[in-house]
Amino acid sequence: MVRLHCRNMAMDTIVKIIGIVIVVMSVLFVIKPAVISAIAGYLKQGRRIYAVGLLRLVVAVVFLLAATACRVPWVIGLFGVLFIISGSLVFMLGSGRTRRILEWYVKQPSWLLRVMGIPVFVIGAIVVYAA
């Protein structure tokens, strides 16, 4: 059953803010895919790629802690689990392999990067709604 009100307004607000950031980033990527290359170029230097994994794990913890306070808890919980998996993969694959995946991603044609931004937009919108 879908709850209409959150019990803890602060937690659902944090989740909504994360969802809005995801939506804004996806729109930016669709409008200007060169931004992806600039961000990827910055992140692939040194050990910065691990910051991405750590950020994903932090978002996962926030989502899992906030899930019960949100409108559609199972959706936020599911995304929390997916963020744990994606964050852990960064560490399990190591910086070299993760860097190669990132390099492959940014070498794609701009039209494909734009298309890949659409599901990210949908995910962000679902997070905002479910929070």
Protein backbone atom coordinates (compact mmCIF):
# COMPACT_ATOMS: atom_id res chain seq x y z
CA MET A 1 0.00 0.00 0.00
CA VAL A 2 1.31 3.46 -0.86
CA ARG A 3 1.64 5.86 2.05
CA LEU A 4 0.52 9.37 1.28
CA HIS A 5 2.55 11.14 3.96
CA CYS A 6 6.09 10.70 5.19
CA ARG A 7 6.68 10.21 8.88
CA ASN A 8 10.04 11.94 8.81
CA MET A 9 10.03 15.00 6.57
CA ALA A 10 13.80 15.53 6.73
CA MET A 11 14.62 12.10 5.29
CA ASP A 12 12.21 12.32 2.39
CA THR A 13 13.47 15.82 1.63
CA ILE A 14 17.05 14.55 1.37
CA VAL A 15 15.93 11.79 -1.00
CA LYS A 16 13.96 14.31 -3.08
CA ILE A 17 17.01 16.57 -3.32
CA ILE A 18 19.11 13.63 -4.54
CA GLY A 19 16.40 12.82 -7.09
CA ILE A 20 16.31 16.43 -8.27
CA VAL A 21 20.11 16.43 -8.66
CA ILE A 22 19.83 13.26 -10.78
CA VAL A 23 17.14 14.90 -12.94
CA VAL A 24 19.14 18.12 -13.39
CA MET A 25 22.30 16.21 -14.29
CA SER A 26 20.45 14.07 -16.82
CA VAL A 27 18.91 17.14 -18.46
CA LEU A 28 22.34 18.75 -18.60
CA PHE A 29 23.79 15.61 -20.20
CA VAL A 30 20.98 15.47 -22.78
CA ILE A 31 21.36 19.15 -23.66
CA LYS A 32 25.18 19.26 -23.54
CA PRO A 33 26.81 15.79 -23.66
CA ALA A 34 30.29 17.36 -23.66
CA VAL A 35 29.74 17.91 -19.93
CA ILE A 36 30.00 14.13 -19.49
CA SER A 37 33.47 14.15 -21.06
CA ALA A 38 34.63 17.01 -18.84
CA ILE A 39 33.38 15.34 -15.66
CA ALA A 40 34.77 11.96 -16.71
CA GLY A 41 38.15 13.52 -17.52
CA TYR A 42 38.28 15.00 -14.04
CA LEU A 43 37.16 11.83 -12.27
CA LYS A 44 39.52 9.45 -14.04
CA GLN A 45 42.61 11.26 -12.73
CA GLY A 46 44.37 9.51 -9.88
CA ARG A 47 42.08 7.92 -7.33
CA ARG A 48 39.14 10.25 -7.88
CA ILE A 49 37.19 7.38 -9.42
CA TYR A 50 36.89 5.95 -5.91
CA ALA A 51 35.06 9.13 -4.84
CA VAL A 52 32.29 8.08 -7.23
CA GLY A 53 32.05 4.68 -5.56
CA LEU A 54 32.04 6.26 -2.11
CA LEU A 55 29.36 8.77 -3.15
CA ARG A 56 27.17 5.95 -4.45
CA LEU A 57 27.57 4.05 -1.18
CA VAL A 58 26.64 7.16 0.82
CA VAL A 59 23.53 7.67 -1.35
CA ALA A 60 22.69 3.99 -0.82
CA VAL A 61 22.83 4.36 2.95
CA VAL A 62 20.67 7.51 2.80
CA PHE A 63 18.10 5.76 0.60
CA LEU A 64 17.97 2.67 2.81
CA LEU A 65 17.62 4.71 5.99
CA ALA A 66 15.00 6.97 4.41
CA ALA A 67 12.97 4.29 2.65
CA THR A 68 10.45 3.73 5.44
CA ALA A 69 9.83 7.48 5.70
CA CYS A 70 8.94 7.86 2.02
CA ARG A 71 5.77 7.63 -0.01
CA VAL A 72 6.81 4.45 -1.84
CA PRO A 73 9.35 2.76 0.45
CA TRP A 74 10.10 -0.25 -1.72
CA VAL A 75 11.14 1.95 -4.65
CA ILE A 76 13.58 3.96 -2.54
CA GLY A 77 14.84 0.73 -0.94
CA LEU A 78 15.34 -0.85 -4.37
CA PHE A 79 17.36 2.15 -5.58
CA GLY A 80 19.34 1.99 -2.33
CA VAL A 81 20.29 -1.62 -3.09
CA LEU A 82 21.17 -0.69 -6.69
CA PHE A 83 23.40 2.13 -5.42
CA ILE A 84 25.14 -0.33 -3.07
CA ILE A 85 25.81 -2.65 -5.99
CA SER A 86 27.06 0.12 -8.28
CA GLY A 87 29.21 1.70 -5.58
CA SER A 88 30.71 -1.62 -4.59
CA LEU A 89 31.48 -2.46 -8.21
CA VAL A 90 33.75 0.58 -8.46
CA PHE A 91 35.90 -0.85 -5.66
CA MET A 92 35.68 -4.48 -6.82
CA LEU A 93 36.64 -3.68 -10.42
CA GLY A 94 39.46 -1.39 -9.36
CA SER A 95 40.44 1.98 -10.74
CA GLY A 96 41.98 0.64 -13.97
CA ARG A 97 38.96 -1.32 -15.12
CA THR A 98 36.49 1.33 -13.95
CA ARG A 99 38.53 3.99 -15.76
CA ARG A 100 38.38 1.95 -19.01
CA ILE A 101 34.60 1.61 -18.69
CA LEU A 102 34.34 5.36 -18.15
CA GLU A 103 36.57 6.05 -21.16
CA TRP A 104 34.44 3.76 -23.34
CA TYR A 105 31.31 5.56 -22.18
CA VAL A 106 32.54 9.04 -23.08
CA LYS A 107 33.77 7.90 -26.51
CA GLN A 108 30.22 7.17 -27.58
CA PRO A 109 28.59 9.51 -30.10
CA SER A 110 26.81 12.50 -28.59
CA TRP A 111 23.41 11.30 -29.83
CA LEU A 112 23.89 8.04 -27.90
CA LEU A 113 24.96 9.90 -24.76
CA ARG A 114 21.79 11.95 -25.08
CA VAL A 115 19.69 8.80 -25.40
CA MET A 116 21.44 7.29 -22.34
CA GLY A 117 20.48 10.40 -20.37
CA ILE A 118 16.77 9.67 -20.81
CA PRO A 119 16.60 6.60 -18.51
CA VAL A 120 18.65 8.53 -15.94
CA PHE A 121 16.03 11.31 -16.10
CA VAL A 122 13.27 8.74 -15.58
CA ILE A 123 15.10 7.24 -12.58
CA GLY A 124 15.52 10.69 -11.02
CA ALA A 125 11.84 11.48 -11.59
CA ILE A 126 10.81 8.17 -10.02
CA VAL A 127 13.00 8.90 -6.98
CA VAL A 128 11.43 12.36 -6.59
CA TYR A 129 7.92 10.92 -6.88
CA ALA A 130 8.60 7.96 -4.55
CA ALA A 131 10.14 10.18 -1.87
